[in-house]
Amino acid sequence: MHGRVLAVADDGEATHLLYQNHGIYVTKRPHTGGMPTGTKVSSFAGTNPYPSGDIVAQAGRYWAVWTEQLVQNELAPFKLFEAKTIGAGDCTDPILKKQLTFVAGWNDDHPTIVLRPAAAGLSTAEVWWSRNDGARGETAHIYHGRLSCQGIWSSLGQLSTLGDDDFPDANRSSAGNNHLVFNRNLDRVVYIGVIGNRVFNTHGFRPRVSTSSGVLFVAYTNTGRHPFAAMYRGGWVGYDLTPGAGSQRLLALTAAGGRGTALAASFVTDRLYAVPGL
């Protein structure tokens, strides 16, 4: 299996991969091993620029959102698409591919998705994405939308208004509450969520968010090229995870039992390492 990874999700029993390889695919591999099984959800093969996407998984099923151009050239705008097998009750029919956004003249990309509780189970979803002017690079704002269990789309409108360039990076839903982190104007990291909005004093890139046992974790690569973590336990505290080290990049963030773990890569040693116990 070859391709460019767009997103990964885990439902506790299998790992679900959204990737591009002469098309867009969703592949699942059980934790018990064996050969992965995959589905081609789109024939889009454009790479200039590359598409973006996200995926969530639950009980062996998935819900994916991704971007593609209706006309493949570097100036053509991206639009959002979905595919899903998650469903309950009257919503068990899968959706192989469905276009979500249609607004002419705007580029829709960098989608991120979370599942939401519903009477029939985790069968609805919310999506955040960047609506921007594409190659011009002069304006980008975050928009918010909702998907019903039938995959029917409803836009909830513009979320961010203060920056010139806002791009959503990651989110997490816990206890019915959403936590969203994003980059504003290239190097400001912003959190929006139930504990109140915050722009972090330490500048950085590509933030990640996770939560466990009522503790919120935000991590990103700071402008000194080190992984930086901020934790909320009744108040915010943050620090450089590897002061004095060489150039590094945060890759992922996870949390369990009220503690967080950051995964980072060192450009000096070409090694991966974890920083636990946050």
C-alpha atoms as a PDB file:
ATOM      1  CA  MET A   1       0.000   0.000   0.000  1.00  0.00           C
ATOM      2  CA  HIS A   2       1.445   3.361  -1.055  1.00  0.00           C
ATOM      3  CA  GLY A   3       0.142   6.915  -0.854  1.00  0.00           C
ATOM      4  CA  ARG A   4       0.041  10.244   0.943  1.00  0.00           C
ATOM      5  CA  VAL A   5      -1.632  10.132   4.364  1.00  0.00           C
ATOM      6  CA  LEU A   6      -4.425  12.680   4.890  1.00  0.00           C
ATOM      7  CA  ALA A   7      -5.670  11.513   8.307  1.00  0.00           C
ATOM      8  CA  VAL A   8      -5.753   8.590  10.744  1.00  0.00           C
ATOM      9  CA  ALA A   9      -8.396   7.489  13.278  1.00  0.00           C
ATOM     10  CA  ASP A  10      -8.641   4.613  15.755  1.00  0.00           C
ATOM     11  CA  ASP A  11     -11.842   3.140  17.172  1.00  0.00           C
ATOM     12  CA  GLY A  12     -10.160   0.892  19.746  1.00  0.00           C
ATOM     13  CA  GLU A  13     -10.375  -2.184  17.534  1.00  0.00           C
ATOM     14  CA  ALA A  14      -8.895  -1.027  14.218  1.00  0.00           C
ATOM     15  CA  THR A  15      -6.889   1.794  12.644  1.00  0.00           C
ATOM     16  CA  HIS A  16      -8.597   3.710   9.827  1.00  0.00           C
ATOM     17  CA  LEU A  17      -6.481   5.532   7.252  1.00  0.00           C
ATOM     18  CA  LEU A  18      -7.568   8.244   4.796  1.00  0.00           C
ATOM     19  CA  TYR A  19      -4.980   8.607   2.049  1.00  0.00           C
ATOM     20  CA  GLN A  20      -4.411   9.545  -1.598  1.00  0.00           C
ATOM     21  CA  ASN A  21      -2.864   7.247  -4.205  1.00  0.00           C
ATOM     22  CA  HIS A  22      -4.270   7.818  -7.729  1.00  0.00           C
ATOM     23  CA  GLY A  23      -7.508   8.564  -5.911  1.00  0.00           C
ATOM     24  CA  ILE A  24      -8.776   8.949  -2.329  1.00  0.00           C
ATOM     25  CA  TYR A  25      -9.016   5.764  -0.232  1.00  0.00           C
ATOM     26  CA  VAL A  26     -10.178   4.686   3.223  1.00  0.00           C
ATOM     27  CA  THR A  27      -8.395   1.625   4.603  1.00  0.00           C
ATOM     28  CA  LYS A  28      -8.946  -0.266   7.868  1.00  0.00           C
ATOM     29  CA  ARG A  29      -6.501  -2.600   9.614  1.00  0.00           C
ATOM     30  CA  PRO A  30      -7.612  -4.496  12.765  1.00  0.00           C
ATOM     31  CA  HIS A  31      -5.384  -4.370  15.837  1.00  0.00           C
ATOM     32  CA  THR A  32      -5.294  -8.179  15.715  1.00  0.00           C
ATOM     33  CA  GLY A  33      -3.372  -7.974  12.447  1.00  0.00           C
ATOM     34  CA  GLY A  34      -4.134  -9.343   9.017  1.00  0.00           C
ATOM     35  CA  MET A  35      -4.392  -7.637   5.673  1.00  0.00           C
ATOM     36  CA  PRO A  36      -5.989  -4.178   5.563  1.00  0.00           C
ATOM     37  CA  THR A  37      -9.274  -3.729   3.698  1.00  0.00           C
ATOM     38  CA  GLY A  38      -9.887  -0.570   1.703  1.00  0.00           C
ATOM     39  CA  THR A  39     -12.453   1.402  -0.248  1.00  0.00           C
ATOM     40  CA  LYS A  40     -11.825   3.919  -3.015  1.00  0.00           C
ATOM     41  CA  VAL A  41     -14.076   6.908  -2.285  1.00  0.00           C
ATOM     42  CA  SER A  42     -12.863   9.262  -5.026  1.00  0.00           C
ATOM     43  CA  SER A  43     -10.857   9.239  -8.257  1.00  0.00           C
ATOM     44  CA  PHE A  44      -9.280  12.620  -7.483  1.00  0.00           C
ATOM     45  CA  ALA A  45      -5.530  12.341  -8.106  1.00  0.00           C
ATOM     46  CA  GLY A  46      -4.479  16.004  -8.116  1.00  0.00           C
ATOM     47  CA  THR A  47      -1.232  16.828  -6.295  1.00  0.00           C
ATOM     48  CA  ASN A  48      -0.607  20.487  -7.163  1.00  0.00           C
ATOM     49  CA  PRO A  49      -1.637  21.400  -4.560  1.00  0.00           C
ATOM     50  CA  TYR A  50      -2.338  18.284  -2.506  1.00  0.00           C
ATOM     51  CA  PRO A  51      -5.789  17.659  -1.005  1.00  0.00           C
ATOM     52  CA  SER A  52      -6.418  17.687   2.758  1.00  0.00           C
ATOM     53  CA  GLY A  53      -8.833  15.682   4.881  1.00  0.00           C
ATOM     54  CA  ASP A  54      -9.850  14.158   8.193  1.00  0.00           C
ATOM     55  CA  ILE A  55     -11.488  10.941   9.421  1.00  0.00           C
ATOM     56  CA  VAL A  56     -13.261   9.668  12.548  1.00  0.00           C
ATOM     57  CA  ALA A  57     -14.093   6.059  13.379  1.00  0.00           C
ATOM     58  CA  GLN A  58     -16.467   4.214  15.671  1.00  0.00           C
ATOM     59  CA  ALA A  59     -17.314   0.496  16.034  1.00  0.00           C
ATOM     60  CA  GLY A  60     -15.507  -0.516  12.853  1.00  0.00           C
ATOM     61  CA  ARG A  61     -17.023   2.238  10.708  1.00  0.00           C
ATOM     62  CA  TYR A  62     -15.765   5.607   9.496  1.00  0.00           C
ATOM     63  CA  TRP A  63     -16.792   9.126   8.496  1.00  0.00           C
ATOM     64  CA  ALA A  64     -14.327  10.974   6.268  1.00  0.00           C
ATOM     65  CA  VAL A  65     -14.169  14.485   4.830  1.00  0.00           C
ATOM     66  CA  TRP A  66     -11.638  15.613   2.243  1.00  0.00           C
ATOM     67  CA  THR A  67     -11.014  18.233  -0.431  1.00  0.00           C
ATOM     68  CA  GLU A  68     -10.763  17.994  -4.186  1.00  0.00           C
ATOM     69  CA  GLN A  69     -10.864  20.248  -7.218  1.00  0.00           C
ATOM     70  CA  LEU A  70     -13.671  19.960  -9.732  1.00  0.00           C
ATOM     71  CA  VAL A  71     -11.153  20.950 -12.412  1.00  0.00           C
ATOM     72  CA  GLN A  72      -7.590  19.778 -11.814  1.00  0.00           C
ATOM     73  CA  ASN A  73      -5.244  22.724 -12.121  1.00  0.00           C
ATOM     74  CA  GLU A  74      -3.272  24.592  -9.467  1.00  0.00           C
ATOM     75  CA  LEU A  75      -5.584  27.642  -9.488  1.00  0.00           C
ATOM     76  CA  ALA A  76      -8.886  25.750  -9.282  1.00  0.00           C
ATOM     77  CA  PRO A  77     -10.607  26.005  -5.865  1.00  0.00           C
ATOM     78  CA  PHE A  78     -11.053  23.009  -3.591  1.00  0.00           C
ATOM     79  CA  LYS A  79     -14.480  21.914  -2.322  1.00  0.00           C
ATOM     80  CA  LEU A  80     -15.405  19.617   0.574  1.00  0.00           C
ATOM     81  CA  PHE A  81     -16.609  16.031   0.090  1.00  0.00           C
ATOM     82  CA  GLU A  82     -17.697  13.282   2.490  1.00  0.00           C
ATOM     83  CA  ALA A  83     -17.957   9.497   2.653  1.00  0.00           C
ATOM     84  CA  LYS A  84     -19.325   7.478   5.564  1.00  0.00           C
ATOM     85  CA  THR A  85     -20.314   4.082   6.861  1.00  0.00           C
ATOM     86  CA  ILE A  86     -21.132   5.270  10.405  1.00  0.00           C
ATOM     87  CA  GLY A  87     -24.856   5.216  11.051  1.00  0.00           C
ATOM     88  CA  ALA A  88     -27.557   3.861  13.318  1.00  0.00           C
ATOM     89  CA  GLY A  89     -31.308   3.358  13.168  1.00  0.00           C
ATOM     90  CA  ASP A  90     -32.575   4.729   9.851  1.00  0.00           C
ATOM     91  CA  CYS A  91     -29.121   5.979   8.833  1.00  0.00           C
ATOM     92  CA  THR A  92     -27.238   2.767   8.174  1.00  0.00           C
ATOM     93  CA  ASP A  93     -26.944   3.210   4.400  1.00  0.00           C
ATOM     94  CA  PRO A  94     -23.354   4.159   3.531  1.00  0.00           C
ATOM     95  CA  ILE A  95     -22.434   7.254   1.528  1.00  0.00           C
ATOM     96  CA  LEU A  96     -19.639   6.562  -0.934  1.00  0.00           C
ATOM     97  CA  LYS A  97     -19.073  10.162  -2.023  1.00  0.00           C
ATOM     98  CA  LYS A  98     -21.005  13.416  -1.651  1.00  0.00           C
ATOM     99  CA  GLN A  99     -20.039  17.043  -2.311  1.00  0.00           C
ATOM    100  CA  LEU A 100     -20.658  19.365   0.657  1.00  0.00           C
ATOM    101  CA  THR A 101     -19.643  22.925  -0.332  1.00  0.00           C
ATOM    102  CA  PHE A 102     -20.526  24.768  -3.540  1.00  0.00           C
ATOM    103  CA  VAL A 103     -19.826  28.484  -2.982  1.00  0.00           C
ATOM    104  CA  ALA A 104     -18.229  29.841  -6.167  1.00  0.00           C
ATOM    105  CA  GLY A 105     -15.058  31.893  -6.024  1.00  0.00           C
ATOM    106  CA  TRP A 106     -13.806  30.504  -2.698  1.00  0.00           C
ATOM    107  CA  ASN A 107     -11.385  27.738  -1.769  1.00  0.00           C
ATOM    108  CA  ASP A 108     -12.580  25.311   0.945  1.00  0.00           C
ATOM    109  CA  ASP A 109      -9.845  23.219   2.560  1.00  0.00           C
ATOM    110  CA  HIS A 110      -8.220  21.976   5.815  1.00  0.00           C
ATOM    111  CA  PRO A 111     -11.386  20.227   7.080  1.00  0.00           C
ATOM    112  CA  THR A 112     -11.513  18.664  10.549  1.00  0.00           C
ATOM    113  CA  ILE A 113     -14.413  16.539  11.857  1.00  0.00           C
ATOM    114  CA  VAL A 114     -15.806  15.220  15.173  1.00  0.00           C
ATOM    115  CA  LEU A 115     -18.660  12.829  15.884  1.00  0.00           C
ATOM    116  CA  ARG A 116     -21.580  14.134  17.909  1.00  0.00           C
ATOM    117  CA  PRO A 117     -24.013  12.279  20.170  1.00  0.00           C
ATOM    118  CA  ALA A 118     -27.497  11.664  18.799  1.00  0.00           C
ATOM    119  CA  ALA A 119     -30.543   9.722  19.962  1.00  0.00           C
ATOM    120  CA  ALA A 120     -29.500   6.844  17.683  1.00  0.00           C
ATOM    121  CA  GLY A 121     -25.836   6.937  18.759  1.00  0.00           C
ATOM    122  CA  LEU A 122     -22.768   8.781  17.469  1.00  0.00           C
ATOM    123  CA  SER A 123     -24.370   9.299  14.076  1.00  0.00           C
ATOM    124  CA  THR A 124     -24.069  13.040  13.461  1.00  0.00           C
ATOM    125  CA  ALA A 125     -20.917  15.076  12.925  1.00  0.00           C
ATOM    126  CA  GLU A 126     -19.583  18.622  12.959  1.00  0.00           C
ATOM    127  CA  VAL A 127     -16.958  19.977  10.592  1.00  0.00           C
ATOM    128  CA  TRP A 128     -14.682  23.019  10.641  1.00  0.00           C
ATOM    129  CA  TRP A 129     -12.748  24.161   7.603  1.00  0.00           C
ATOM    130  CA  SER A 130     -10.924  27.119   6.063  1.00  0.00           C
ATOM    131  CA  ARG A 131     -12.688  29.227   3.439  1.00  0.00           C
ATOM    132  CA  ASN A 132      -9.961  31.245   1.744  1.00  0.00           C
ATOM    133  CA  ASP A 133      -8.846  32.890  -1.477  1.00  0.00           C
ATOM    134  CA  GLY A 134      -6.509  30.045  -2.407  1.00  0.00           C
ATOM    135  CA  ALA A 135      -3.276  30.914  -4.199  1.00  0.00           C
ATOM    136  CA  ARG A 136      -3.692  34.646  -3.482  1.00  0.00           C
ATOM    137  CA  GLY A 137      -3.093  33.949   0.218  1.00  0.00           C
ATOM    138  CA  GLU A 138      -4.661  37.183   1.469  1.00  0.00           C
ATOM    139  CA  THR A 139      -7.654  36.004   3.492  1.00  0.00           C
ATOM    140  CA  ALA A 140      -8.785  32.812   5.248  1.00  0.00           C
ATOM    141  CA  HIS A 141     -11.458  32.285   7.890  1.00  0.00           C
ATOM    142  CA  ILE A 142     -12.774  29.235   9.699  1.00  0.00           C
ATOM    143  CA  TYR A 143     -16.308  28.084   8.959  1.00  0.00           C
ATOM    144  CA  HIS A 144     -18.449  25.581  10.847  1.00  0.00           C
ATOM    145  CA  GLY A 145     -20.945  23.037   9.504  1.00  0.00           C
ATOM    146  CA  ARG A 146     -23.068  20.126  10.695  1.00  0.00           C
ATOM    147  CA  LEU A 147     -23.823  16.746   9.082  1.00  0.00           C
ATOM    148  CA  SER A 148     -26.971  14.775   9.864  1.00  0.00           C
ATOM    149  CA  CYS A 149     -26.907  10.984  10.092  1.00  0.00           C
ATOM    150  CA  GLN A 150     -28.056  10.915   6.440  1.00  0.00           C
ATOM    151  CA  GLY A 151     -25.024  13.043   5.553  1.00  0.00           C
ATOM    152  CA  ILE A 152     -27.175  16.124   4.888  1.00  0.00           C
ATOM    153  CA  TRP A 153     -25.097  19.298   5.236  1.00  0.00           C
ATOM    154  CA  SER A 154     -26.041  22.507   7.000  1.00  0.00           C
ATOM    155  CA  SER A 155     -23.618  25.417   7.297  1.00  0.00           C
ATOM    156  CA  LEU A 156     -23.431  27.144  10.693  1.00  0.00           C
ATOM    157  CA  GLY A 157     -21.534  30.118   9.287  1.00  0.00           C
ATOM    158  CA  GLN A 158     -18.227  31.853   9.885  1.00  0.00           C
ATOM    159  CA  LEU A 159     -16.502  31.090  13.194  1.00  0.00           C
ATOM    160  CA  SER A 160     -13.367  33.258  13.154  1.00  0.00           C
ATOM    161  CA  THR A 161     -13.377  36.989  12.386  1.00  0.00           C
ATOM    162  CA  LEU A 162     -10.290  38.527  14.029  1.00  0.00           C
ATOM    163  CA  GLY A 163      -7.412  37.235  11.902  1.00  0.00           C
ATOM    164  CA  ASP A 164      -6.564  37.596   8.238  1.00  0.00           C
ATOM    165  CA  ASP A 165      -5.429  33.984   7.814  1.00  0.00           C
ATOM    166  CA  ASP A 166      -7.068  31.316  10.008  1.00  0.00           C
ATOM    167  CA  PHE A 167      -6.585  27.599   9.338  1.00  0.00           C
ATOM    168  CA  PRO A 168      -8.108  24.884  11.591  1.00  0.00           C
ATOM    169  CA  ASP A 169      -5.634  22.207  12.634  1.00  0.00           C
ATOM    170  CA  ALA A 170      -7.212  19.827  15.153  1.00  0.00           C
ATOM    171  CA  ASN A 171     -10.195  19.262  17.369  1.00  0.00           C
ATOM    172  CA  ARG A 172     -11.496  16.933  20.045  1.00  0.00           C
ATOM    173  CA  SER A 173     -14.997  16.338  21.349  1.00  0.00           C
ATOM    174  CA  SER A 174     -15.500  15.241  24.961  1.00  0.00           C
ATOM    175  CA  ALA A 175     -18.614  15.086  27.138  1.00  0.00           C
ATOM    176  CA  GLY A 176     -20.558  16.763  24.338  1.00  0.00           C
ATOM    177  CA  ASN A 177     -18.143  19.724  24.175  1.00  0.00           C
ATOM    178  CA  ASN A 178     -15.886  20.621  21.269  1.00  0.00           C
ATOM    179  CA  HIS A 179     -12.302  21.837  21.605  1.00  0.00           C
ATOM    180  CA  LEU A 180     -10.781  23.472  18.500  1.00  0.00           C
ATOM    181  CA  VAL A 181      -7.233  24.768  17.978  1.00  0.00           C
ATOM    182  CA  PHE A 182      -5.991  26.664  14.935  1.00  0.00           C
ATOM    183  CA  ASN A 183      -3.275  28.908  13.533  1.00  0.00           C
ATOM    184  CA  ARG A 184      -3.991  32.610  13.048  1.00  0.00           C
ATOM    185  CA  ASN A 185      -1.849  34.843  10.837  1.00  0.00           C
ATOM    186  CA  LEU A 186       0.790  32.152  10.359  1.00  0.00           C
ATOM    187  CA  ASP A 187       2.194  31.774  13.911  1.00  0.00           C
ATOM    188  CA  ARG A 188      -0.451  32.583  16.540  1.00  0.00           C
ATOM    189  CA  VAL A 189      -2.092  29.561  18.167  1.00  0.00           C
ATOM    190  CA  VAL A 190      -5.749  29.940  19.172  1.00  0.00           C
ATOM    191  CA  TYR A 191      -8.007  27.722  21.290  1.00  0.00           C
ATOM    192  CA  ILE A 192     -11.815  27.909  21.092  1.00  0.00           C
ATOM    193  CA  GLY A 193     -13.872  25.766  23.433  1.00  0.00           C
ATOM    194  CA  VAL A 194     -15.980  25.326  26.519  1.00  0.00           C
ATOM    195  CA  ILE A 195     -13.366  26.704  28.938  1.00  0.00           C
ATOM    196  CA  GLY A 196     -13.126  29.991  27.035  1.00  0.00           C
ATOM    197  CA  ASN A 197     -11.205  31.270  24.039  1.00  0.00           C
ATOM    198  CA  ARG A 198      -7.456  31.832  24.313  1.00  0.00           C
ATOM    199  CA  VAL A 199      -4.619  33.134  22.123  1.00  0.00           C
ATOM    200  CA  PHE A 200      -1.384  31.662  23.474  1.00  0.00           C
ATOM    201  CA  ASN A 201       1.513  34.036  24.180  1.00  0.00           C
ATOM    202  CA  THR A 202       4.053  31.567  22.803  1.00  0.00           C
ATOM    203  CA  HIS A 203       3.946  31.659  19.016  1.00  0.00           C
ATOM    204  CA  GLY A 204       3.980  28.440  17.000  1.00  0.00           C
ATOM    205  CA  PHE A 205       2.613  26.206  14.253  1.00  0.00           C
ATOM    206  CA  ARG A 206       0.338  23.206  13.644  1.00  0.00           C
ATOM    207  CA  PRO A 207      -1.313  22.833  17.073  1.00  0.00           C
ATOM    208  CA  ARG A 208      -2.873  19.640  18.373  1.00  0.00           C
ATOM    209  CA  VAL A 209      -5.465  19.203  21.140  1.00  0.00           C
ATOM    210  CA  SER A 210      -6.494  16.338  23.396  1.00  0.00           C
ATOM    211  CA  THR A 211      -8.407  15.921  26.652  1.00  0.00           C
ATOM    212  CA  SER A 212      -8.679  13.340  29.425  1.00  0.00           C
ATOM    213  CA  SER A 213     -10.310  13.278  32.878  1.00  0.00           C
ATOM    214  CA  GLY A 214     -11.242  16.936  32.675  1.00  0.00           C
ATOM    215  CA  VAL A 215      -7.714  18.055  31.727  1.00  0.00           C
ATOM    216  CA  LEU A 216      -7.135  19.848  28.414  1.00  0.00           C
ATOM    217  CA  PHE A 217      -3.857  19.574  26.509  1.00  0.00           C
ATOM    218  CA  VAL A 218      -2.689  21.799  23.629  1.00  0.00           C
ATOM    219  CA  ALA A 219       0.691  21.230  21.993  1.00  0.00           C
ATOM    220  CA  TYR A 220       2.475  22.658  18.970  1.00  0.00           C
ATOM    221  CA  THR A 221       5.896  23.474  17.525  1.00  0.00           C
ATOM    222  CA  ASN A 222       7.026  26.876  18.811  1.00  0.00           C
ATOM    223  CA  THR A 223       9.025  29.382  16.767  1.00  0.00           C
ATOM    224  CA  GLY A 224      12.212  28.078  18.408  1.00  0.00           C
ATOM    225  CA  ARG A 225      11.473  24.719  16.682  1.00  0.00           C
ATOM    226  CA  HIS A 226      10.713  22.871  19.923  1.00  0.00           C
ATOM    227  CA  PRO A 227       7.532  21.070  21.032  1.00  0.00           C
ATOM    228  CA  PHE A 228       5.573  23.339  23.385  1.00  0.00           C
ATOM    229  CA  ALA A 229       2.697  22.142  25.587  1.00  0.00           C
ATOM    230  CA  ALA A 230      -0.027  24.021  27.472  1.00  0.00           C
ATOM    231  CA  MET A 231      -2.229  22.250  30.017  1.00  0.00           C
ATOM    232  CA  TYR A 232      -5.478  23.420  31.622  1.00  0.00           C
ATOM    233  CA  ARG A 233      -6.126  22.075  35.125  1.00  0.00           C
ATOM    234  CA  GLY A 234      -8.286  24.857  36.520  1.00  0.00           C
ATOM    235  CA  GLY A 235      -5.823  27.317  34.928  1.00  0.00           C
ATOM    236  CA  TRP A 236      -3.342  27.374  32.060  1.00  0.00           C
ATOM    237  CA  VAL A 237       0.339  26.459  32.416  1.00  0.00           C
ATOM    238  CA  GLY A 238       2.720  25.913  29.493  1.00  0.00           C
ATOM    239  CA  TYR A 239       6.380  25.228  28.822  1.00  0.00           C
ATOM    240  CA  ASP A 240       8.955  24.186  26.214  1.00  0.00           C
ATOM    241  CA  LEU A 241       9.231  20.392  26.404  1.00  0.00           C
ATOM    242  CA  THR A 242      12.875  20.195  25.263  1.00  0.00           C
ATOM    243  CA  PRO A 243      14.719  23.440  26.166  1.00  0.00           C
ATOM    244  CA  GLY A 244      18.281  23.549  24.841  1.00  0.00           C
ATOM    245  CA  ALA A 245      17.725  20.810  22.252  1.00  0.00           C
ATOM    246  CA  GLY A 246      18.161  21.133  18.503  1.00  0.00           C
ATOM    247  CA  SER A 247      15.491  21.663  15.853  1.00  0.00           C
ATOM    248  CA  GLN A 248      12.371  19.527  16.362  1.00  0.00           C
ATOM    249  CA  ARG A 249       8.726  19.271  15.326  1.00  0.00           C
ATOM    250  CA  LEU A 250       5.622  18.136  17.198  1.00  0.00           C
ATOM    251  CA  LEU A 251       3.852  15.300  15.383  1.00  0.00           C
ATOM    252  CA  ALA A 252       1.001  14.160  17.611  1.00  0.00           C
ATOM    253  CA  LEU A 253      -0.631  14.541  21.013  1.00  0.00           C
ATOM    254  CA  THR A 254      -2.646  12.045  23.033  1.00  0.00           C
ATOM    255  CA  ALA A 255      -4.030  11.847  26.563  1.00  0.00           C
ATOM    256  CA  ALA A 256      -5.254   9.196  29.011  1.00  0.00           C
ATOM    257  CA  GLY A 257      -5.803   9.096  32.755  1.00  0.00           C
ATOM    258  CA  GLY A 258      -5.516  12.867  33.049  1.00  0.00           C
ATOM    259  CA  ARG A 259      -1.996  12.904  31.576  1.00  0.00           C
ATOM    260  CA  GLY A 260      -0.791  13.840  28.101  1.00  0.00           C
ATOM    261  CA  THR A 261       1.927  12.460  25.820  1.00  0.00           C
ATOM    262  CA  ALA A 262       3.531  14.385  22.968  1.00  0.00           C
ATOM    263  CA  LEU A 263       5.214  12.674  20.013  1.00  0.00           C
ATOM    264  CA  ALA A 264       7.936  14.670  18.275  1.00  0.00           C
ATOM    265  CA  ALA A 265      10.692  14.282  15.693  1.00  0.00           C
ATOM    266  CA  SER A 266      14.278  15.560  15.907  1.00  0.00           C
ATOM    267  CA  PHE A 267      15.803  16.988  12.751  1.00  0.00           C
ATOM    268  CA  VAL A 268      19.273  16.723  14.336  1.00  0.00           C
ATOM    269  CA  THR A 269      19.191  13.001  15.180  1.00  0.00           C
ATOM    270  CA  ASP A 270      16.471  11.872  12.690  1.00  0.00           C
ATOM    271  CA  ARG A 271      14.673  10.108  15.512  1.00  0.00           C
ATOM    272  CA  LEU A 272      11.174   9.988  16.935  1.00  0.00           C
ATOM    273  CA  TYR A 273      10.620  10.368  20.664  1.00  0.00           C
ATOM    274  CA  ALA A 274       7.780  10.742  23.161  1.00  0.00           C
ATOM    275  CA  VAL A 275       7.405  13.163  26.065  1.00  0.00           C
ATOM    276  CA  PRO A 276       4.986  11.561  28.555  1.00  0.00           C
ATOM    277  CA  GLY A 277       3.497  12.714  31.844  1.00  0.00           C
ATOM    278  CA  LEU A 278       2.291  16.168  30.783  1.00  0.00           C
END
